[in-house]
Amino acid sequence: MKVDKTVVIITGVGLAIGFAEALIYYNLGTNANREKFKFGVPKGKELAKNMGVVLATSALTALISYQIEKSMEAKAVPTPA
């Protein structure tokens, strides 16, 4: 199966943004009952779980976007010359 570069780009960008978002939520949760905010990155299994979820949702977003784009291209009416 040939992988379209758009799928790779969207997955990569989604992974970067999704991981940043996951870190924000992680830190909001871990600092909820603290007086002073302390930034941290999850370690071990927790980091792996977060990355797995972000990777899966990024890839799914890319594949769905690709299918929608292809569907719209197929339905596009050609303009007369």
PDB file of N, CA and C in Angstrom:
ATOM      1  N   MET A   1       0.841  -1.180   0.000  1.00  0.00           N
ATOM      2  CA  MET A   1       0.000   0.000   0.000  1.00  0.00           C
ATOM      3  C   MET A   1       0.881   1.237   0.000  1.00  0.00           C
ATOM      4  N   LYS A   2       0.608   2.133  -0.922  1.00  0.00           N
ATOM      5  CA  LYS A   2       1.349   3.387  -1.014  1.00  0.00           C
ATOM      6  C   LYS A   2       0.740   4.377  -0.021  1.00  0.00           C
ATOM      7  N   VAL A   3       1.583   5.020   0.766  1.00  0.00           N
ATOM      8  CA  VAL A   3       1.110   5.988   1.752  1.00  0.00           C
ATOM      9  C   VAL A   3       1.197   7.377   1.129  1.00  0.00           C
ATOM     10  N   ASP A   4       0.081   8.069   1.103  1.00  0.00           N
ATOM     11  CA  ASP A   4       0.028   9.421   0.572  1.00  0.00           C
ATOM     12  C   ASP A   4       0.768  10.365   1.510  1.00  0.00           C
ATOM     13  N   LYS A   5       1.550  11.294   0.944  1.00  0.00           N
ATOM     14  CA  LYS A   5       2.336  12.198   1.787  1.00  0.00           C
ATOM     15  C   LYS A   5       1.453  13.096   2.633  1.00  0.00           C
ATOM     16  N   THR A   6       0.241  13.386   2.172  1.00  0.00           N
ATOM     17  CA  THR A   6      -0.678  14.200   2.965  1.00  0.00           C
ATOM     18  C   THR A   6      -1.035  13.498   4.269  1.00  0.00           C
ATOM     19  N   VAL A   7      -1.236  12.187   4.210  1.00  0.00           N
ATOM     20  CA  VAL A   7      -1.556  11.407   5.410  1.00  0.00           C
ATOM     21  C   VAL A   7      -0.384  11.467   6.389  1.00  0.00           C
ATOM     22  N   VAL A   8       0.825  11.360   5.869  1.00  0.00           N
ATOM     23  CA  VAL A   8       2.011  11.417   6.727  1.00  0.00           C
ATOM     24  C   VAL A   8       2.148  12.802   7.363  1.00  0.00           C
ATOM     25  N   ILE A   9       1.935  13.850   6.580  1.00  0.00           N
ATOM     26  CA  ILE A   9       2.045  15.218   7.093  1.00  0.00           C
ATOM     27  C   ILE A   9       0.995  15.476   8.170  1.00  0.00           C
ATOM     28  N   ILE A  10      -0.244  15.126   7.888  1.00  0.00           N
ATOM     29  CA  ILE A  10      -1.315  15.364   8.863  1.00  0.00           C
ATOM     30  C   ILE A  10      -1.086  14.543  10.127  1.00  0.00           C
ATOM     31  N   THR A  11      -0.625  13.310   9.974  1.00  0.00           N
ATOM     32  CA  THR A  11      -0.341  12.486  11.145  1.00  0.00           C
ATOM     33  C   THR A  11       0.778  13.103  11.974  1.00  0.00           C
ATOM     34  N   GLY A  12       1.838  13.545  11.327  1.00  0.00           N
ATOM     35  CA  GLY A  12       2.963  14.156  12.033  1.00  0.00           C
ATOM     36  C   GLY A  12       2.585  15.426  12.769  1.00  0.00           C
ATOM     37  N   VAL A  13       1.867  16.299  12.080  1.00  0.00           N
ATOM     38  CA  VAL A  13       1.427  17.551  12.709  1.00  0.00           C
ATOM     39  C   VAL A  13       0.446  17.249  13.831  1.00  0.00           C
ATOM     40  N   GLY A  14      -0.463  16.342  13.589  1.00  0.00           N
ATOM     41  CA  GLY A  14      -1.421  15.954  14.629  1.00  0.00           C
ATOM     42  C   GLY A  14      -0.737  15.346  15.831  1.00  0.00           C
ATOM     43  N   LEU A  15       0.314  14.577  15.583  1.00  0.00           N
ATOM     44  CA  LEU A  15       1.066  13.974  16.681  1.00  0.00           C
ATOM     45  C   LEU A  15       1.745  15.052  17.526  1.00  0.00           C
ATOM     46  N   ALA A  16       2.365  16.028  16.868  1.00  0.00           N
ATOM     47  CA  ALA A  16       3.048  17.102  17.597  1.00  0.00           C
ATOM     48  C   ALA A  16       2.062  17.942  18.409  1.00  0.00           C
ATOM     49  N   ILE A  17       0.986  18.357  17.769  1.00  0.00           N
ATOM     50  CA  ILE A  17      -0.013  19.183  18.465  1.00  0.00           C
ATOM     51  C   ILE A  17      -0.733  18.364  19.526  1.00  0.00           C
ATOM     52  N   GLY A  18      -1.076  17.134  19.195  1.00  0.00           N
ATOM     53  CA  GLY A  18      -1.774  16.272  20.147  1.00  0.00           C
ATOM     54  C   GLY A  18      -0.937  15.973  21.377  1.00  0.00           C
ATOM     55  N   PHE A  19       0.375  15.766  21.183  1.00  0.00           N
ATOM     56  CA  PHE A  19       1.237  15.497  22.328  1.00  0.00           C
ATOM     57  C   PHE A  19       1.357  16.741  23.206  1.00  0.00           C
ATOM     58  N   ALA A  20       1.461  17.915  22.577  1.00  0.00           N
ATOM     59  CA  ALA A  20       1.509  19.161  23.350  1.00  0.00           C
ATOM     60  C   ALA A  20       0.217  19.327  24.157  1.00  0.00           C
ATOM     61  N   GLU A  21      -0.913  19.036  23.538  1.00  0.00           N
ATOM     62  CA  GLU A  21      -2.203  19.126  24.229  1.00  0.00           C
ATOM     63  C   GLU A  21      -2.273  18.117  25.376  1.00  0.00           C
ATOM     64  N   ALA A  22      -1.801  16.895  25.125  1.00  0.00           N
ATOM     65  CA  ALA A  22      -1.804  15.870  26.173  1.00  0.00           C
ATOM     66  C   ALA A  22      -0.936  16.291  27.356  1.00  0.00           C
ATOM     67  N   LEU A  23       0.203  16.918  27.073  1.00  0.00           N
ATOM     68  CA  LEU A  23       1.066  17.406  28.152  1.00  0.00           C
ATOM     69  C   LEU A  23       0.380  18.493  28.977  1.00  0.00           C
ATOM     70  N   ILE A  24      -0.352  19.359  28.300  1.00  0.00           N
ATOM     71  CA  ILE A  24      -1.090  20.413  29.011  1.00  0.00           C
ATOM     72  C   ILE A  24      -2.108  19.785  29.954  1.00  0.00           C
ATOM     73  N   TYR A  25      -2.904  18.849  29.442  1.00  0.00           N
ATOM     74  CA  TYR A  25      -3.912  18.195  30.284  1.00  0.00           C
ATOM     75  C   TYR A  25      -3.270  17.399  31.420  1.00  0.00           C
ATOM     76  N   TYR A  26      -2.170  16.719  31.110  1.00  0.00           N
ATOM     77  CA  TYR A  26      -1.457  15.956  32.128  1.00  0.00           C
ATOM     78  C   TYR A  26      -1.010  16.883  33.258  1.00  0.00           C
ATOM     79  N   ASN A  27      -0.431  18.008  32.899  1.00  0.00           N
ATOM     80  CA  ASN A  27       0.067  18.947  33.903  1.00  0.00           C
ATOM     81  C   ASN A  27      -1.060  19.641  34.653  1.00  0.00           C
ATOM     82  N   LEU A  28      -2.153  19.935  33.986  1.00  0.00           N
ATOM     83  CA  LEU A  28      -3.306  20.505  34.695  1.00  0.00           C
ATOM     84  C   LEU A  28      -3.821  19.521  35.736  1.00  0.00           C
ATOM     85  N   GLY A  29      -3.867  18.240  35.357  1.00  0.00           N
ATOM     86  CA  GLY A  29      -4.340  17.218  36.292  1.00  0.00           C
ATOM     87  C   GLY A  29      -3.393  16.978  37.449  1.00  0.00           C
ATOM     88  N   THR A  30      -2.106  16.905  37.163  1.00  0.00           N
ATOM     89  CA  THR A  30      -1.150  16.630  38.240  1.00  0.00           C
ATOM     90  C   THR A  30      -0.936  17.832  39.157  1.00  0.00           C
ATOM     91  N   ASN A  31      -1.285  19.011  38.698  1.00  0.00           N
ATOM     92  CA  ASN A  31      -1.096  20.223  39.506  1.00  0.00           C
ATOM     93  C   ASN A  31      -2.395  20.741  40.105  1.00  0.00           C
ATOM     94  N   ALA A  32      -3.468  20.009  39.940  1.00  0.00           N
ATOM     95  CA  ALA A  32      -4.779  20.479  40.392  1.00  0.00           C
ATOM     96  C   ALA A  32      -4.811  20.816  41.880  1.00  0.00           C
ATOM     97  N   ASN A  33      -4.163  20.031  42.706  1.00  0.00           N
ATOM     98  CA  ASN A  33      -4.211  20.258  44.157  1.00  0.00           C
ATOM     99  C   ASN A  33      -2.896  20.809  44.717  1.00  0.00           C
ATOM    100  N   ARG A  34      -2.074  21.332  43.859  1.00  0.00           N
ATOM    101  CA  ARG A  34      -0.794  21.890  44.310  1.00  0.00           C
ATOM    102  C   ARG A  34      -0.890  23.412  44.391  1.00  0.00           C
ATOM    103  N   GLU A  35      -0.166  23.961  45.316  1.00  0.00           N
ATOM    104  CA  GLU A  35      -0.138  25.409  45.460  1.00  0.00           C
ATOM    105  C   GLU A  35       0.719  26.044  44.364  1.00  0.00           C
ATOM    106  N   LYS A  36       1.846  25.392  44.040  1.00  0.00           N
ATOM    107  CA  LYS A  36       2.758  25.908  43.032  1.00  0.00           C
ATOM    108  C   LYS A  36       2.772  24.966  41.829  1.00  0.00           C
ATOM    109  N   PHE A  37       2.612  25.536  40.626  1.00  0.00           N
ATOM    110  CA  PHE A  37       2.581  24.749  39.392  1.00  0.00           C
ATOM    111  C   PHE A  37       3.975  24.213  39.084  1.00  0.00           C
ATOM    112  N   LYS A  38       4.036  22.918  38.773  1.00  0.00           N
ATOM    113  CA  LYS A  38       5.298  22.287  38.404  1.00  0.00           C
ATOM    114  C   LYS A  38       5.077  21.488  37.126  1.00  0.00           C
ATOM    115  N   PHE A  39       5.805  21.867  36.051  1.00  0.00           N
ATOM    116  CA  PHE A  39       5.666  21.193  34.763  1.00  0.00           C
ATOM    117  C   PHE A  39       6.401  19.859  34.791  1.00  0.00           C
ATOM    118  N   GLY A  40       5.780  18.850  34.220  1.00  0.00           N
ATOM    119  CA  GLY A  40       6.413  17.543  34.157  1.00  0.00           C
ATOM    120  C   GLY A  40       5.966  16.769  32.932  1.00  0.00           C
ATOM    121  N   VAL A  41       6.714  15.750  32.594  1.00  0.00           N
ATOM    122  CA  VAL A  41       6.394  14.854  31.476  1.00  0.00           C
ATOM    123  C   VAL A  41       6.190  13.468  32.070  1.00  0.00           C
ATOM    124  N   PRO A  42       5.099  12.785  31.685  1.00  0.00           N
ATOM    125  CA  PRO A  42       4.894  11.443  32.232  1.00  0.00           C
ATOM    126  C   PRO A  42       6.039  10.510  31.827  1.00  0.00           C
ATOM    127  N   LYS A  43       6.243   9.492  32.632  1.00  0.00           N
ATOM    128  CA  LYS A  43       7.334   8.551  32.373  1.00  0.00           C
ATOM    129  C   LYS A  43       6.790   7.132  32.219  1.00  0.00           C
ATOM    130  N   GLY A  44       7.575   6.302  31.593  1.00  0.00           N
ATOM    131  CA  GLY A  44       7.268   4.883  31.495  1.00  0.00           C
ATOM    132  C   GLY A  44       5.964   4.561  30.794  1.00  0.00           C
ATOM    133  N   LYS A  45       5.167   3.704  31.459  1.00  0.00           N
ATOM    134  CA  LYS A  45       3.910   3.236  30.863  1.00  0.00           C
ATOM    135  C   LYS A  45       2.925   4.372  30.612  1.00  0.00           C
ATOM    136  N   GLU A  46       2.913   5.361  31.504  1.00  0.00           N
ATOM    137  CA  GLU A  46       1.989   6.484  31.324  1.00  0.00           C
ATOM    138  C   GLU A  46       2.340   7.280  30.066  1.00  0.00           C
ATOM    139  N   LEU A  47       3.618   7.498  29.827  1.00  0.00           N
ATOM    140  CA  LEU A  47       4.050   8.191  28.610  1.00  0.00           C
ATOM    141  C   LEU A  47       3.691   7.364  27.379  1.00  0.00           C
ATOM    142  N   ALA A  48       3.919   6.065  27.437  1.00  0.00           N
ATOM    143  CA  ALA A  48       3.604   5.177  26.316  1.00  0.00           C
ATOM    144  C   ALA A  48       2.107   5.183  26.012  1.00  0.00           C
ATOM    145  N   LYS A  49       1.283   5.159  27.053  1.00  0.00           N
ATOM    146  CA  LYS A  49      -0.175   5.201  26.842  1.00  0.00           C
ATOM    147  C   LYS A  49      -0.592   6.518  26.200  1.00  0.00           C
ATOM    148  N   ASN A  50      -0.059   7.618  26.701  1.00  0.00           N
ATOM    149  CA  ASN A  50      -0.388   8.927  26.126  1.00  0.00           C
ATOM    150  C   ASN A  50       0.019   9.008  24.662  1.00  0.00           C
ATOM    151  N   MET A  51       1.242   8.561  24.365  1.00  0.00           N
ATOM    152  CA  MET A  51       1.724   8.604  22.979  1.00  0.00           C
ATOM    153  C   MET A  51       0.902   7.686  22.081  1.00  0.00           C
ATOM    154  N   GLY A  52       0.503   6.533  22.592  1.00  0.00           N
ATOM    155  CA  GLY A  52      -0.325   5.620  21.808  1.00  0.00           C
ATOM    156  C   GLY A  52      -1.668   6.230  21.442  1.00  0.00           C
ATOM    157  N   VAL A  53      -2.300   6.870  22.407  1.00  0.00           N
ATOM    158  CA  VAL A  53      -3.595   7.510  22.150  1.00  0.00           C
ATOM    159  C   VAL A  53      -3.433   8.655  21.156  1.00  0.00           C
ATOM    160  N   VAL A  54      -2.418   9.478  21.349  1.00  0.00           N
ATOM    161  CA  VAL A  54      -2.194  10.613  20.452  1.00  0.00           C
ATOM    162  C   VAL A  54      -1.861  10.119  19.043  1.00  0.00           C
ATOM    163  N   LEU A  55      -1.024   9.104  18.922  1.00  0.00           N
ATOM    164  CA  LEU A  55      -0.680   8.556  17.611  1.00  0.00           C
ATOM    165  C   LEU A  55      -1.909   7.972  16.918  1.00  0.00           C
ATOM    166  N   ALA A  56      -2.712   7.225  17.653  1.00  0.00           N
ATOM    167  CA  ALA A  56      -3.912   6.623  17.065  1.00  0.00           C
ATOM    168  C   ALA A  56      -4.896   7.689  16.585  1.00  0.00           C
ATOM    169  N   THR A  57      -5.129   8.705  17.406  1.00  0.00           N
ATOM    170  CA  THR A  57      -6.083   9.747  17.000  1.00  0.00           C
ATOM    171  C   THR A  57      -5.526  10.589  15.859  1.00  0.00           C
ATOM    172  N   SER A  58      -4.227  10.815  15.831  1.00  0.00           N
ATOM    173  CA  SER A  58      -3.609  11.571  14.736  1.00  0.00           C
ATOM    174  C   SER A  58      -3.716  10.802  13.422  1.00  0.00           C
ATOM    175  N   ALA A  59      -3.407   9.526  13.455  1.00  0.00           N
ATOM    176  CA  ALA A  59      -3.503   8.702  12.250  1.00  0.00           C
ATOM    177  C   ALA A  59      -4.946   8.598  11.770  1.00  0.00           C
ATOM    178  N   LEU A  60      -5.873   8.439  12.691  1.00  0.00           N
ATOM    179  CA  LEU A  60      -7.288   8.372  12.330  1.00  0.00           C
ATOM    180  C   LEU A  60      -7.752   9.676  11.690  1.00  0.00           C
ATOM    181  N   THR A  61      -7.350  10.802  12.263  1.00  0.00           N
ATOM    182  CA  THR A  61      -7.693  12.112  11.700  1.00  0.00           C
ATOM    183  C   THR A  61      -7.143  12.246  10.289  1.00  0.00           C
ATOM    184  N   ALA A  62      -5.901  11.830  10.084  1.00  0.00           N
ATOM    185  CA  ALA A  62      -5.281  11.921   8.765  1.00  0.00           C
ATOM    186  C   ALA A  62      -6.004  11.049   7.749  1.00  0.00           C
ATOM    187  N   LEU A  63      -6.329   9.815   8.130  1.00  0.00           N
ATOM    188  CA  LEU A  63      -7.010   8.915   7.202  1.00  0.00           C
ATOM    189  C   LEU A  63      -8.415   9.395   6.854  1.00  0.00           C
ATOM    190  N   ILE A  64      -9.131   9.889   7.842  1.00  0.00           N
ATOM    191  CA  ILE A  64     -10.479  10.412   7.583  1.00  0.00           C
ATOM    192  C   ILE A  64     -10.398  11.646   6.693  1.00  0.00           C
ATOM    193  N   SER A  65      -9.453  12.542   6.986  1.00  0.00           N
ATOM    194  CA  SER A  65      -9.278  13.746   6.163  1.00  0.00           C
ATOM    195  C   SER A  65      -8.949  13.366   4.719  1.00  0.00           C
ATOM    196  N   TYR A  66      -8.083  12.379   4.553  1.00  0.00           N
ATOM    197  CA  TYR A  66      -7.702  11.913   3.226  1.00  0.00           C
ATOM    198  C   TYR A  66      -8.910  11.364   2.469  1.00  0.00           C
ATOM    199  N   GLN A  67      -9.716  10.551   3.146  1.00  0.00           N
ATOM    200  CA  GLN A  67     -10.901   9.983   2.499  1.00  0.00           C
ATOM    201  C   GLN A  67     -11.913  11.060   2.114  1.00  0.00           C
ATOM    202  N   ILE A  68     -12.093  12.052   2.978  1.00  0.00           N
ATOM    203  CA  ILE A  68     -13.017  13.151   2.673  1.00  0.00           C
ATOM    204  C   ILE A  68     -12.509  13.933   1.467  1.00  0.00           C
ATOM    205  N   GLU A  69     -11.206  14.221   1.443  1.00  0.00           N
ATOM    206  CA  GLU A  69     -10.621  14.958   0.325  1.00  0.00           C
ATOM    207  C   GLU A  69     -10.798  14.203  -0.984  1.00  0.00           C
ATOM    208  N   LYS A  70     -10.518  12.900  -0.975  1.00  0.00           N
ATOM    209  CA  LYS A  70     -10.673  12.079  -2.188  1.00  0.00           C
ATOM    210  C   LYS A  70     -12.132  12.020  -2.629  1.00  0.00           C
ATOM    211  N   SER A  71     -13.036  11.936  -1.673  1.00  0.00           N
ATOM    212  CA  SER A  71     -14.460  11.901  -1.990  1.00  0.00           C
ATOM    213  C   SER A  71     -14.909  13.207  -2.634  1.00  0.00           C
ATOM    214  N   MET A  72     -14.408  14.309  -2.100  1.00  0.00           N
ATOM    215  CA  MET A  72     -14.778  15.619  -2.647  1.00  0.00           C
ATOM    216  C   MET A  72     -14.190  15.816  -4.047  1.00  0.00           C
ATOM    217  N   GLU A  73     -12.973  15.317  -4.268  1.00  0.00           N
ATOM    218  CA  GLU A  73     -12.353  15.421  -5.589  1.00  0.00           C
ATOM    219  C   GLU A  73     -13.156  14.620  -6.608  1.00  0.00           C
ATOM    220  N   ALA A  74     -13.620  13.454  -6.215  1.00  0.00           N
ATOM    221  CA  ALA A  74     -14.366  12.587  -7.113  1.00  0.00           C
ATOM    222  C   ALA A  74     -15.712  13.204  -7.505  1.00  0.00           C
ATOM    223  N   LYS A  75     -16.295  13.974  -6.601  1.00  0.00           N
ATOM    224  CA  LYS A  75     -17.599  14.582  -6.857  1.00  0.00           C
ATOM    225  C   LYS A  75     -17.499  15.959  -7.502  1.00  0.00           C
ATOM    226  N   ALA A  76     -16.283  16.487  -7.631  1.00  0.00           N
ATOM    227  CA  ALA A  76     -16.104  17.811  -8.197  1.00  0.00           C
ATOM    228  C   ALA A  76     -16.507  17.803  -9.669  1.00  0.00           C
ATOM    229  N   VAL A  77     -17.211  18.845 -10.070  1.00  0.00           N
ATOM    230  CA  VAL A  77     -17.650  18.977 -11.458  1.00  0.00           C
ATOM    231  C   VAL A  77     -16.556  19.698 -12.227  1.00  0.00           C
ATOM    232  N   PRO A  78     -16.073  19.099 -13.317  1.00  0.00           N
ATOM    233  CA  PRO A  78     -15.020  19.768 -14.080  1.00  0.00           C
ATOM    234  C   PRO A  78     -15.543  21.043 -14.734  1.00  0.00           C
ATOM    235  N   THR A  79     -14.716  22.070 -14.763  1.00  0.00           N
ATOM    236  CA  THR A  79     -15.115  23.340 -15.381  1.00  0.00           C
ATOM    237  C   THR A  79     -14.882  23.247 -16.888  1.00  0.00           C
ATOM    238  N   PRO A  80     -15.797  23.842 -17.666  1.00  0.00           N
ATOM    239  CA  PRO A  80     -15.632  23.795 -19.127  1.00  0.00           C
ATOM    240  C   PRO A  80     -14.404  24.613 -19.558  1.00  0.00           C
ATOM    241  N   ALA A  81     -13.765  24.152 -20.625  1.00  0.00           N
ATOM    242  CA  ALA A  81     -12.566  24.834 -21.122  1.00  0.00           C
ATOM    243  C   ALA A  81     -12.883  26.059 -21.925  1.00  0.00           C
TER     244      ALA A  81
END
